[in-house]
Amino acid sequence: MIQFTTPAVTLTLKGVTFDGTEKVWVSIRQKESEIDITDATVDTSGEHPVITFTLTQEQTAGLALGSALIQVNWMTSGDERGATDIATVNVTRNLLDEVKSYDDEQAESEGDGE
């Protein structure tokens, strides 16, 4: 995962069934950052469930360089809860400084009422 980008993330969950699942959310954690995705798309039409979601530039900008933990959780209509094992994703920096400066300029412009 790269800071200051808007990645579309796809997670294929092997060994998991989502029969009767009503709610799915994805948690990404670091020491200083917490992201909870509650609007992920779930596709159960294949052999394994597939979860997809997109992070915002603001969310990836808030991640520190290094490792982040990621986990999928779900709740069924019978109020049963499940979770995947915790996986690790690497967060790297963006070499294009223009991405960061453009975002900063936009925030300043919006703050000035222009």
Protein backbone atom coordinates (compact mmCIF):
# COMPACT_ATOMS: atom_id res chain seq x y z
CA MET A 1 0.00 0.00 0.00
CA ILE A 2 1.41 3.40 -0.94
CA GLN A 3 0.79 6.61 1.00
CA PHE A 4 -1.28 9.39 -0.67
CA THR A 5 -2.93 6.99 -3.15
CA THR A 6 -6.46 5.62 -3.51
CA PRO A 7 -5.88 1.88 -3.79
CA ALA A 8 -8.64 -0.54 -4.69
CA VAL A 9 -8.05 -3.50 -2.39
CA THR A 10 -9.24 -7.03 -3.14
CA LEU A 11 -9.10 -9.75 -0.48
CA THR A 12 -9.86 -13.39 -1.34
CA LEU A 13 -10.81 -15.33 1.78
CA LYS A 14 -9.99 -19.02 1.52
CA GLY A 15 -11.55 -21.36 4.07
CA VAL A 16 -14.30 -18.88 4.99
CA THR A 17 -18.03 -19.11 4.27
CA PHE A 18 -20.35 -16.14 4.49
CA ASP A 19 -23.68 -17.98 4.69
CA GLY A 20 -26.19 -15.72 6.42
CA THR A 21 -23.69 -12.90 6.81
CA GLU A 22 -25.33 -9.52 7.41
CA LYS A 23 -22.37 -7.27 8.14
CA VAL A 24 -18.74 -7.30 7.02
CA TRP A 25 -16.06 -4.83 7.96
CA VAL A 26 -12.33 -4.56 7.41
CA SER A 27 -9.98 -3.17 10.05
CA ILE A 28 -6.53 -1.75 9.31
CA ARG A 29 -4.37 -0.89 12.32
CA GLN A 30 -1.05 0.74 13.15
CA LYS A 31 0.14 2.34 16.38
CA GLU A 32 -1.26 5.77 15.47
CA SER A 33 -3.82 4.90 12.78
CA GLU A 34 -7.11 3.03 12.74
CA ILE A 35 -9.20 2.55 9.61
CA ASP A 36 -12.49 0.68 9.65
CA ILE A 37 -14.10 -0.05 6.30
CA THR A 38 -17.84 -0.72 6.66
CA ASP A 39 -18.87 -0.36 3.02
CA ALA A 40 -16.78 -3.15 1.50
CA THR A 41 -18.34 -5.14 -1.33
CA VAL A 42 -18.71 -8.87 -0.74
CA ASP A 43 -18.88 -11.30 -3.67
CA THR A 44 -19.78 -14.87 -2.69
CA SER A 45 -20.46 -16.14 -6.22
CA GLY A 46 -17.08 -17.84 -6.61
CA GLU A 47 -15.28 -20.65 -4.82
CA HIS A 48 -14.06 -18.22 -2.12
CA PRO A 49 -15.61 -14.98 -0.83
CA VAL A 50 -13.99 -11.85 -2.26
CA ILE A 51 -14.00 -8.54 -0.38
CA THR A 52 -13.26 -5.30 -2.26
CA PHE A 53 -12.96 -1.72 -1.06
CA THR A 54 -11.15 1.50 -1.93
CA LEU A 55 -9.16 3.60 0.50
CA THR A 56 -9.15 7.38 0.23
CA GLN A 57 -6.05 9.51 -0.18
CA GLU A 58 -6.67 10.89 3.31
CA GLN A 59 -6.74 7.36 4.77
CA THR A 60 -3.48 6.26 3.12
CA ALA A 61 -1.82 9.57 4.02
CA GLY A 62 -2.57 8.81 7.67
CA LEU A 63 -0.68 5.52 7.55
CA ALA A 64 2.91 5.47 8.73
CA LEU A 65 5.67 3.78 6.77
CA GLY A 66 6.17 0.14 7.70
CA SER A 67 3.73 -2.61 8.59
CA ALA A 68 -0.01 -2.33 9.06
CA LEU A 69 -2.29 -5.07 10.36
CA ILE A 70 -5.45 -5.99 8.44
CA GLN A 71 -8.36 -8.23 9.43
CA VAL A 72 -11.83 -9.00 8.06
CA ASN A 73 -14.68 -9.41 10.57
CA TRP A 74 -18.28 -10.41 9.99
CA MET A 75 -21.57 -10.95 11.78
CA THR A 76 -24.35 -13.32 10.71
CA SER A 77 -28.11 -12.90 10.97
CA GLY A 78 -27.93 -15.27 13.96
CA ASP A 79 -25.58 -12.82 15.71
CA GLU A 80 -22.61 -15.16 15.26
CA ARG A 81 -19.30 -13.44 14.70
CA GLY A 82 -16.24 -14.44 12.78
CA ALA A 83 -12.84 -13.02 11.87
CA THR A 84 -9.93 -13.90 9.64
CA ASP A 85 -6.42 -14.31 10.91
CA ILE A 86 -4.57 -11.01 11.12
CA ALA A 87 -2.47 -10.32 8.02
CA THR A 88 0.28 -7.77 7.51
CA VAL A 89 0.53 -5.27 4.66
CA ASN A 90 3.53 -3.06 3.93
CA VAL A 91 3.01 0.72 3.69
CA THR A 92 5.52 2.54 1.49
CA ARG A 93 6.05 6.18 0.67
CA ASN A 94 5.07 7.91 -2.52
CA LEU A 95 8.06 9.20 -4.49
CA LEU A 96 5.97 11.80 -6.30
CA ASP A 97 6.03 14.85 -4.02
CA GLU A 98 3.58 16.61 -6.35
CA VAL A 99 0.83 14.32 -5.06
CA LYS A 100 1.34 15.56 -1.52
CA SER A 101 1.76 19.23 -2.47
CA TYR A 102 -1.33 19.18 -4.71
CA ASP A 103 -3.38 17.77 -1.86
CA ASP A 104 -2.04 20.44 0.53
CA GLU A 105 -2.80 23.21 -1.99
CA GLN A 106 -6.35 21.92 -2.43
CA ALA A 107 -6.92 21.91 1.34
CA GLU A 108 -5.59 25.47 1.64
CA SER A 109 -7.72 26.64 -1.28
CA GLU A 110 -10.86 25.09 0.19
CA GLY A 111 -10.05 26.65 3.57
CA ASP A 112 -9.79 30.14 2.04
CA GLY A 113 -13.24 29.86 0.48
CA GLU A 114 -11.89 30.11 -3.08
